[in-house]
Amino acid sequence: MEKEKIFHRDIKSENIMIQNGLFKLTDLGFARIVDYDTKNPLENTVMLTFLGTLNYSAPQILNQRSYVPSKSDIWSLGIIVYILLY
């Protein structure tokens, strides 16, 4: 059974819209679709492309090390939550 996972890789406050109470991500220019199965879980998906907005990037990207894109997207969402709170 195959599944698809989309990684945005450039989540920032300017790329989030609110429509009818729902949050939507825009600007999918850096997005990537990764197919995976149970033999290769997403935690093992590693990328070496260092892109995105500097202020929202995870430390691994800033240090130009391999990174897991799902965790990088979560880091960027955490930055946005921090900005909203403070």
PDB file of N, CA and C in Angstrom:
ATOM      1  N   MET A   1       0.849  -1.181   0.000  1.00  0.00           N
ATOM      2  CA  MET A   1       0.000   0.000   0.000  1.00  0.00           C
ATOM      3  C   MET A   1       0.893   1.241   0.000  1.00  0.00           C
ATOM      4  N   GLU A   2       0.718   2.068  -1.001  1.00  0.00           N
ATOM      5  CA  GLU A   2       1.532   3.279  -1.084  1.00  0.00           C
ATOM      6  C   GLU A   2       0.746   4.481  -0.595  1.00  0.00           C
ATOM      7  N   LYS A   3       1.447   5.413  -0.006  1.00  0.00           N
ATOM      8  CA  LYS A   3       0.863   6.663   0.460  1.00  0.00           C
ATOM      9  C   LYS A   3       1.707   7.796  -0.084  1.00  0.00           C
ATOM     10  N   GLU A   4       1.127   8.984  -0.117  1.00  0.00           N
ATOM     11  CA  GLU A   4       1.866  10.156  -0.540  1.00  0.00           C
ATOM     12  C   GLU A   4       1.954  11.133   0.620  1.00  0.00           C
ATOM     13  N   LYS A   5       3.051  11.811   0.689  1.00  0.00           N
ATOM     14  CA  LYS A   5       3.245  12.833   1.706  1.00  0.00           C
ATOM     15  C   LYS A   5       3.836  14.039   1.005  1.00  0.00           C
ATOM     16  N   ILE A   6       3.265  15.198   1.252  1.00  0.00           N
ATOM     17  CA  ILE A   6       3.745  16.431   0.642  1.00  0.00           C
ATOM     18  C   ILE A   6       4.485  17.238   1.694  1.00  0.00           C
ATOM     19  N   PHE A   7       5.691  17.627   1.367  1.00  0.00           N
ATOM     20  CA  PHE A   7       6.479  18.484   2.240  1.00  0.00           C
ATOM     21  C   PHE A   7       6.538  19.869   1.614  1.00  0.00           C
ATOM     22  N   HIS A   8       6.201  20.883   2.374  1.00  0.00           N
ATOM     23  CA  HIS A   8       6.150  22.250   1.845  1.00  0.00           C
ATOM     24  C   HIS A   8       7.549  22.835   1.717  1.00  0.00           C
ATOM     25  N   ARG A   9       8.352  22.717   2.737  1.00  0.00           N
ATOM     26  CA  ARG A   9       9.753  23.142   2.812  1.00  0.00           C
ATOM     27  C   ARG A   9       9.973  24.649   2.764  1.00  0.00           C
ATOM     28  N   ASP A  10       8.910  25.453   2.796  1.00  0.00           N
ATOM     29  CA  ASP A  10       9.056  26.907   2.884  1.00  0.00           C
ATOM     30  C   ASP A  10       7.857  27.499   3.607  1.00  0.00           C
ATOM     31  N   ILE A  11       7.503  26.909   4.756  1.00  0.00           N
ATOM     32  CA  ILE A  11       6.375  27.416   5.517  1.00  0.00           C
ATOM     33  C   ILE A  11       6.802  28.697   6.228  1.00  0.00           C
ATOM     34  N   LYS A  12       6.034  29.746   6.017  1.00  0.00           N
ATOM     35  CA  LYS A  12       6.250  31.024   6.687  1.00  0.00           C
ATOM     36  C   LYS A  12       4.907  31.726   6.782  1.00  0.00           C
ATOM     37  N   SER A  13       4.837  32.753   7.604  1.00  0.00           N
ATOM     38  CA  SER A  13       3.557  33.417   7.840  1.00  0.00           C
ATOM     39  C   SER A  13       2.970  34.008   6.561  1.00  0.00           C
ATOM     40  N   GLU A  14       3.816  34.420   5.644  1.00  0.00           N
ATOM     41  CA  GLU A  14       3.326  34.987   4.388  1.00  0.00           C
ATOM     42  C   GLU A  14       2.682  33.942   3.483  1.00  0.00           C
ATOM     43  N   ASN A  15       2.909  32.668   3.748  1.00  0.00           N
ATOM     44  CA  ASN A  15       2.370  31.590   2.922  1.00  0.00           C
ATOM     45  C   ASN A  15       1.150  30.927   3.549  1.00  0.00           C
ATOM     46  N   ILE A  16       0.551  31.549   4.550  1.00  0.00           N
ATOM     47  CA  ILE A  16      -0.628  30.979   5.193  1.00  0.00           C
ATOM     48  C   ILE A  16      -1.808  31.911   4.984  1.00  0.00           C
ATOM     49  N   MET A  17      -2.910  31.345   4.493  1.00  0.00           N
ATOM     50  CA  MET A  17      -4.141  32.101   4.300  1.00  0.00           C
ATOM     51  C   MET A  17      -5.225  31.494   5.174  1.00  0.00           C
ATOM     52  N   ILE A  18      -6.194  32.330   5.563  1.00  0.00           N
ATOM     53  CA  ILE A  18      -7.348  31.839   6.307  1.00  0.00           C
ATOM     54  C   ILE A  18      -8.574  32.048   5.429  1.00  0.00           C
ATOM     55  N   GLN A  19      -9.286  30.956   5.160  1.00  0.00           N
ATOM     56  CA  GLN A  19     -10.482  31.027   4.337  1.00  0.00           C
ATOM     57  C   GLN A  19     -11.584  30.223   5.009  1.00  0.00           C
ATOM     58  N   ASN A  20     -12.675  30.879   5.346  1.00  0.00           N
ATOM     59  CA  ASN A  20     -13.808  30.231   6.022  1.00  0.00           C
ATOM     60  C   ASN A  20     -13.371  29.527   7.303  1.00  0.00           C
ATOM     61  N   GLY A  21     -12.447  30.134   8.036  1.00  0.00           N
ATOM     62  CA  GLY A  21     -11.981  29.566   9.287  1.00  0.00           C
ATOM     63  C   GLY A  21     -10.958  28.449   9.147  1.00  0.00           C
ATOM     64  N   LEU A  22     -10.536  28.137   7.935  1.00  0.00           N
ATOM     65  CA  LEU A  22      -9.543  27.094   7.699  1.00  0.00           C
ATOM     66  C   LEU A  22      -8.221  27.719   7.283  1.00  0.00           C
ATOM     67  N   PHE A  23      -7.134  27.166   7.772  1.00  0.00           N
ATOM     68  CA  PHE A  23      -5.804  27.615   7.382  1.00  0.00           C
ATOM     69  C   PHE A  23      -5.381  26.852   6.135  1.00  0.00           C
ATOM     70  N   LYS A  24      -4.858  27.582   5.147  1.00  0.00           N
ATOM     71  CA  LYS A  24      -4.403  26.951   3.909  1.00  0.00           C
ATOM     72  C   LYS A  24      -3.000  27.432   3.585  1.00  0.00           C
ATOM     73  N   LEU A  25      -2.153  26.491   3.159  1.00  0.00           N
ATOM     74  CA  LEU A  25      -0.794  26.831   2.753  1.00  0.00           C
ATOM     75  C   LEU A  25      -0.771  27.195   1.272  1.00  0.00           C
ATOM     76  N   THR A  26      -0.038  28.241   0.950  1.00  0.00           N
ATOM     77  CA  THR A  26       0.092  28.677  -0.436  1.00  0.00           C
ATOM     78  C   THR A  26       1.562  28.624  -0.843  1.00  0.00           C
ATOM     79  N   ASP A  27       1.847  29.010  -2.056  1.00  0.00           N
ATOM     80  CA  ASP A  27       3.203  29.065  -2.605  1.00  0.00           C
ATOM     81  C   ASP A  27       3.915  27.718  -2.446  1.00  0.00           C
ATOM     82  N   LEU A  28       3.507  26.782  -3.250  1.00  0.00           N
ATOM     83  CA  LEU A  28       4.065  25.435  -3.190  1.00  0.00           C
ATOM     84  C   LEU A  28       5.257  25.257  -4.130  1.00  0.00           C
ATOM     85  N   GLY A  29       5.999  26.324  -4.373  1.00  0.00           N
ATOM     86  CA  GLY A  29       7.131  26.275  -5.290  1.00  0.00           C
ATOM     87  C   GLY A  29       8.237  25.333  -4.854  1.00  0.00           C
ATOM     88  N   PHE A  30       8.476  25.203  -3.545  1.00  0.00           N
ATOM     89  CA  PHE A  30       9.516  24.319  -3.038  1.00  0.00           C
ATOM     90  C   PHE A  30       8.962  22.978  -2.570  1.00  0.00           C
ATOM     91  N   ALA A  31       7.647  22.775  -2.695  1.00  0.00           N
ATOM     92  CA  ALA A  31       7.010  21.558  -2.190  1.00  0.00           C
ATOM     93  C   ALA A  31       7.510  20.335  -2.946  1.00  0.00           C
ATOM     94  N   ARG A  32       7.486  19.216  -2.250  1.00  0.00           N
ATOM     95  CA  ARG A  32       7.928  17.956  -2.859  1.00  0.00           C
ATOM     96  C   ARG A  32       7.022  16.832  -2.376  1.00  0.00           C
ATOM     97  N   ILE A  33       6.626  15.987  -3.299  1.00  0.00           N
ATOM     98  CA  ILE A  33       5.808  14.818  -2.978  1.00  0.00           C
ATOM     99  C   ILE A  33       6.731  13.618  -2.864  1.00  0.00           C
ATOM    100  N   VAL A  34       6.603  12.890  -1.765  1.00  0.00           N
ATOM    101  CA  VAL A  34       7.434  11.707  -1.544  1.00  0.00           C
ATOM    102  C   VAL A  34       6.514  10.507  -1.385  1.00  0.00           C
ATOM    103  N   ASP A  35       6.722   9.509  -2.213  1.00  0.00           N
ATOM    104  CA  ASP A  35       6.002   8.239  -2.075  1.00  0.00           C
ATOM    105  C   ASP A  35       6.779   7.348  -1.119  1.00  0.00           C
ATOM    106  N   TYR A  36       6.065   6.654  -0.280  1.00  0.00           N
ATOM    107  CA  TYR A  36       6.740   5.757   0.655  1.00  0.00           C
ATOM    108  C   TYR A  36       5.834   4.583   0.972  1.00  0.00           C
ATOM    109  N   ASP A  37       6.404   3.560   1.520  1.00  0.00           N
ATOM    110  CA  ASP A  37       5.652   2.415   1.991  1.00  0.00           C
ATOM    111  C   ASP A  37       6.148   2.046   3.378  1.00  0.00           C
ATOM    112  N   THR A  38       5.665   0.952   3.912  1.00  0.00           N
ATOM    113  CA  THR A  38       6.040   0.580   5.276  1.00  0.00           C
ATOM    114  C   THR A  38       7.510   0.204   5.399  1.00  0.00           C
ATOM    115  N   LYS A  39       8.167  -0.151   4.298  1.00  0.00           N
ATOM    116  CA  LYS A  39       9.580  -0.501   4.359  1.00  0.00           C
ATOM    117  C   LYS A  39      10.468   0.732   4.474  1.00  0.00           C
ATOM    118  N   ASN A  40       9.945   1.883   4.058  1.00  0.00           N
ATOM    119  CA  ASN A  40      10.719   3.126   4.106  1.00  0.00           C
ATOM    120  C   ASN A  40       9.851   4.213   4.744  1.00  0.00           C
ATOM    121  N   PRO A  41       9.744   4.227   6.062  1.00  0.00           N
ATOM    122  CA  PRO A  41       8.897   5.241   6.706  1.00  0.00           C
ATOM    123  C   PRO A  41       9.440   6.649   6.496  1.00  0.00           C
ATOM    124  N   LEU A  42       8.580   7.629   6.701  1.00  0.00           N
ATOM    125  CA  LEU A  42       8.955   9.018   6.453  1.00  0.00           C
ATOM    126  C   LEU A  42      10.099   9.485   7.333  1.00  0.00           C
ATOM    127  N   GLU A  43      10.246   8.893   8.502  1.00  0.00           N
ATOM    128  CA  GLU A  43      11.345   9.285   9.379  1.00  0.00           C
ATOM    129  C   GLU A  43      12.699   8.982   8.748  1.00  0.00           C
ATOM    130  N   ASN A  44      12.721   8.063   7.778  1.00  0.00           N
ATOM    131  CA  ASN A  44      13.967   7.733   7.095  1.00  0.00           C
ATOM    132  C   ASN A  44      14.178   8.560   5.832  1.00  0.00           C
ATOM    133  N   THR A  45      13.187   9.386   5.464  1.00  0.00           N
ATOM    134  CA  THR A  45      13.309  10.242   4.290  1.00  0.00           C
ATOM    135  C   THR A  45      14.191  11.424   4.653  1.00  0.00           C
ATOM    136  N   VAL A  46      15.313  11.528   4.005  1.00  0.00           N
ATOM    137  CA  VAL A  46      16.273  12.583   4.319  1.00  0.00           C
ATOM    138  C   VAL A  46      16.511  13.396   3.056  1.00  0.00           C
ATOM    139  N   MET A  47      16.656  14.693   3.218  1.00  0.00           N
ATOM    140  CA  MET A  47      16.899  15.570   2.078  1.00  0.00           C
ATOM    141  C   MET A  47      18.180  16.357   2.283  1.00  0.00           C
ATOM    142  N   LEU A  48      18.786  16.736   1.185  1.00  0.00           N
ATOM    143  CA  LEU A  48      20.025  17.502   1.217  1.00  0.00           C
ATOM    144  C   LEU A  48      19.896  18.840   0.495  1.00  0.00           C
ATOM    145  N   THR A  49      18.679  19.209   0.084  1.00  0.00           N
ATOM    146  CA  THR A  49      18.444  20.475  -0.590  1.00  0.00           C
ATOM    147  C   THR A  49      18.186  21.541   0.464  1.00  0.00           C
ATOM    148  N   PHE A  50      19.048  22.530   0.539  1.00  0.00           N
ATOM    149  CA  PHE A  50      18.953  23.546   1.581  1.00  0.00           C
ATOM    150  C   PHE A  50      18.258  24.769   1.009  1.00  0.00           C
ATOM    151  N   LEU A  51      16.954  24.867   1.264  1.00  0.00           N
ATOM    152  CA  LEU A  51      16.176  25.977   0.748  1.00  0.00           C
ATOM    153  C   LEU A  51      15.151  26.399   1.776  1.00  0.00           C
ATOM    154  N   GLY A  52      14.486  27.504   1.507  1.00  0.00           N
ATOM    155  CA  GLY A  52      13.490  28.037   2.416  1.00  0.00           C
ATOM    156  C   GLY A  52      13.904  29.411   2.910  1.00  0.00           C
ATOM    157  N   THR A  53      13.058  30.000   3.722  1.00  0.00           N
ATOM    158  CA  THR A  53      13.313  31.321   4.266  1.00  0.00           C
ATOM    159  C   THR A  53      14.176  31.206   5.509  1.00  0.00           C
ATOM    160  N   LEU A  54      15.205  32.002   5.571  1.00  0.00           N
ATOM    161  CA  LEU A  54      16.217  31.912   6.625  1.00  0.00           C
ATOM    162  C   LEU A  54      15.614  31.960   8.025  1.00  0.00           C
ATOM    163  N   ASN A  55      14.713  32.892   8.293  1.00  0.00           N
ATOM    164  CA  ASN A  55      14.168  33.065   9.643  1.00  0.00           C
ATOM    165  C   ASN A  55      13.264  31.922  10.089  1.00  0.00           C
ATOM    166  N   TYR A  56      12.802  31.101   9.178  1.00  0.00           N
ATOM    167  CA  TYR A  56      11.902  30.000   9.502  1.00  0.00           C
ATOM    168  C   TYR A  56      12.562  28.633   9.351  1.00  0.00           C
ATOM    169  N   SER A  57      13.814  28.593   8.975  1.00  0.00           N
ATOM    170  CA  SER A  57      14.500  27.329   8.694  1.00  0.00           C
ATOM    171  C   SER A  57      14.952  26.625   9.964  1.00  0.00           C
ATOM    172  N   ALA A  58      14.937  25.309   9.922  1.00  0.00           N
ATOM    173  CA  ALA A  58      15.404  24.485  11.037  1.00  0.00           C
ATOM    174  C   ALA A  58      16.931  24.573  11.138  1.00  0.00           C
ATOM    175  N   PRO A  59      17.483  24.323  12.315  1.00  0.00           N
ATOM    176  CA  PRO A  59      18.939  24.405  12.492  1.00  0.00           C
ATOM    177  C   PRO A  59      19.725  23.488  11.546  1.00  0.00           C
ATOM    178  N   GLN A  60      19.185  22.317  11.217  1.00  0.00           N
ATOM    179  CA  GLN A  60      19.898  21.411  10.320  1.00  0.00           C
ATOM    180  C   GLN A  60      20.076  22.041   8.932  1.00  0.00           C
ATOM    181  N   ILE A  61      19.067  22.766   8.486  1.00  0.00           N
ATOM    182  CA  ILE A  61      19.161  23.422   7.179  1.00  0.00           C
ATOM    183  C   ILE A  61      20.178  24.554   7.238  1.00  0.00           C
ATOM    184  N   LEU A  62      20.163  25.315   8.321  1.00  0.00           N
ATOM    185  CA  LEU A  62      21.113  26.424   8.462  1.00  0.00           C
ATOM    186  C   LEU A  62      22.550  25.919   8.524  1.00  0.00           C
ATOM    187  N   ASN A  63      22.746  24.744   9.116  1.00  0.00           N
ATOM    188  CA  ASN A  63      24.088  24.155   9.210  1.00  0.00           C
ATOM    189  C   ASN A  63      24.418  23.278   8.009  1.00  0.00           C
ATOM    190  N   GLN A  64      23.539  23.248   7.021  1.00  0.00           N
ATOM    191  CA  GLN A  64      23.706  22.477   5.792  1.00  0.00           C
ATOM    192  C   GLN A  64      23.999  21.002   6.059  1.00  0.00           C
ATOM    193  N   ARG A  65      23.182  20.415   6.947  1.00  0.00           N
ATOM    194  CA  ARG A  65      23.241  18.976   7.217  1.00  0.00           C
ATOM    195  C   ARG A  65      21.985  18.331   6.659  1.00  0.00           C
ATOM    196  N   SER A  66      22.007  17.048   6.472  1.00  0.00           N
ATOM    197  CA  SER A  66      20.811  16.369   6.003  1.00  0.00           C
ATOM    198  C   SER A  66      19.689  16.547   7.025  1.00  0.00           C
ATOM    199  N   TYR A  67      18.445  16.595   6.533  1.00  0.00           N
ATOM    200  CA  TYR A  67      17.326  16.848   7.423  1.00  0.00           C
ATOM    201  C   TYR A  67      16.115  16.044   6.980  1.00  0.00           C
ATOM    202  N   VAL A  68      15.217  15.809   7.928  1.00  0.00           N
ATOM    203  CA  VAL A  68      13.946  15.147   7.656  1.00  0.00           C
ATOM    204  C   VAL A  68      12.936  16.253   7.347  1.00  0.00           C
ATOM    205  N   PRO A  69      12.365  16.298   6.153  1.00  0.00           N
ATOM    206  CA  PRO A  69      11.520  17.426   5.760  1.00  0.00           C
ATOM    207  C   PRO A  69      10.266  17.598   6.606  1.00  0.00           C
ATOM    208  N   SER A  70       9.688  16.525   7.103  1.00  0.00           N
ATOM    209  CA  SER A  70       8.496  16.664   7.939  1.00  0.00           C
ATOM    210  C   SER A  70       8.837  17.383   9.236  1.00  0.00           C
ATOM    211  N   LYS A  71       9.986  17.079   9.817  1.00  0.00           N
ATOM    212  CA  LYS A  71      10.396  17.747  11.052  1.00  0.00           C
ATOM    213  C   LYS A  71      10.776  19.198  10.790  1.00  0.00           C
ATOM    214  N   SER A  72      11.316  19.473   9.626  1.00  0.00           N
ATOM    215  CA  SER A  72      11.648  20.849   9.258  1.00  0.00           C
ATOM    216  C   SER A  72      10.384  21.687   9.111  1.00  0.00           C
ATOM    217  N   ASP A  73       9.339  21.116   8.514  1.00  0.00           N
ATOM    218  CA  ASP A  73       8.066  21.827   8.391  1.00  0.00           C
ATOM    219  C   ASP A  73       7.450  22.091   9.761  1.00  0.00           C
ATOM    220  N   ILE A  74       7.561  21.139  10.658  1.00  0.00           N
ATOM    221  CA  ILE A  74       7.033  21.328  12.016  1.00  0.00           C
ATOM    222  C   ILE A  74       7.804  22.439  12.731  1.00  0.00           C
ATOM    223  N   TRP A  75       9.109  22.498  12.536  1.00  0.00           N
ATOM    224  CA  TRP A  75       9.917  23.572  13.116  1.00  0.00           C
ATOM    225  C   TRP A  75       9.407  24.926  12.634  1.00  0.00           C
ATOM    226  N   SER A  76       9.161  25.047  11.333  1.00  0.00           N
ATOM    227  CA  SER A  76       8.679  26.303  10.761  1.00  0.00           C
ATOM    228  C   SER A  76       7.316  26.683  11.331  1.00  0.00           C
ATOM    229  N   LEU A  77       6.434  25.706  11.530  1.00  0.00           N
ATOM    230  CA  LEU A  77       5.141  25.989  12.148  1.00  0.00           C
ATOM    231  C   LEU A  77       5.316  26.460  13.583  1.00  0.00           C
ATOM    232  N   GLY A  78       6.288  25.910  14.291  1.00  0.00           N
ATOM    233  CA  GLY A  78       6.580  26.365  15.650  1.00  0.00           C
ATOM    234  C   GLY A  78       7.028  27.821  15.681  1.00  0.00           C
ATOM    235  N   ILE A  79       7.813  28.224  14.698  1.00  0.00           N
ATOM    236  CA  ILE A  79       8.236  29.620  14.606  1.00  0.00           C
ATOM    237  C   ILE A  79       7.026  30.525  14.400  1.00  0.00           C
ATOM    238  N   ILE A  80       6.086  30.085  13.560  1.00  0.00           N
ATOM    239  CA  ILE A  80       4.886  30.882  13.309  1.00  0.00           C
ATOM    240  C   ILE A  80       4.047  30.998  14.578  1.00  0.00           C
ATOM    241  N   VAL A  81       3.893  29.919  15.325  1.00  0.00           N
ATOM    242  CA  VAL A  81       3.150  29.968  16.588  1.00  0.00           C
ATOM    243  C   VAL A  81       3.836  30.928  17.553  1.00  0.00           C
ATOM    244  N   TYR A  82       5.145  30.888  17.616  1.00  0.00           N
ATOM    245  CA  TYR A  82       5.903  31.806  18.474  1.00  0.00           C
ATOM    246  C   TYR A  82       5.625  33.260  18.065  1.00  0.00           C
ATOM    247  N   ILE A  83       5.660  33.534  16.778  1.00  0.00           N
ATOM    248  CA  ILE A  83       5.397  34.890  16.287  1.00  0.00           C
ATOM    249  C   ILE A  83       3.982  35.332  16.664  1.00  0.00           C
ATOM    250  N   LEU A  84       3.013  34.454  16.528  1.00  0.00           N
ATOM    251  CA  LEU A  84       1.629  34.797  16.864  1.00  0.00           C
ATOM    252  C   LEU A  84       1.441  35.075  18.347  1.00  0.00           C
ATOM    253  N   LEU A  85       2.179  34.340  19.189  1.00  0.00           N
ATOM    254  CA  LEU A  85       2.028  34.517  20.642  1.00  0.00           C
ATOM    255  C   LEU A  85       2.751  35.764  21.148  1.00  0.00           C
ATOM    256  N   TYR A  86       3.872  36.116  20.512  1.00  0.00           N
ATOM    257  CA  TYR A  86       4.649  37.246  20.992  1.00  0.00           C
ATOM    258  C   TYR A  86       4.684  38.349  19.983  1.00  0.00           C
TER     259      TYR A  86
END
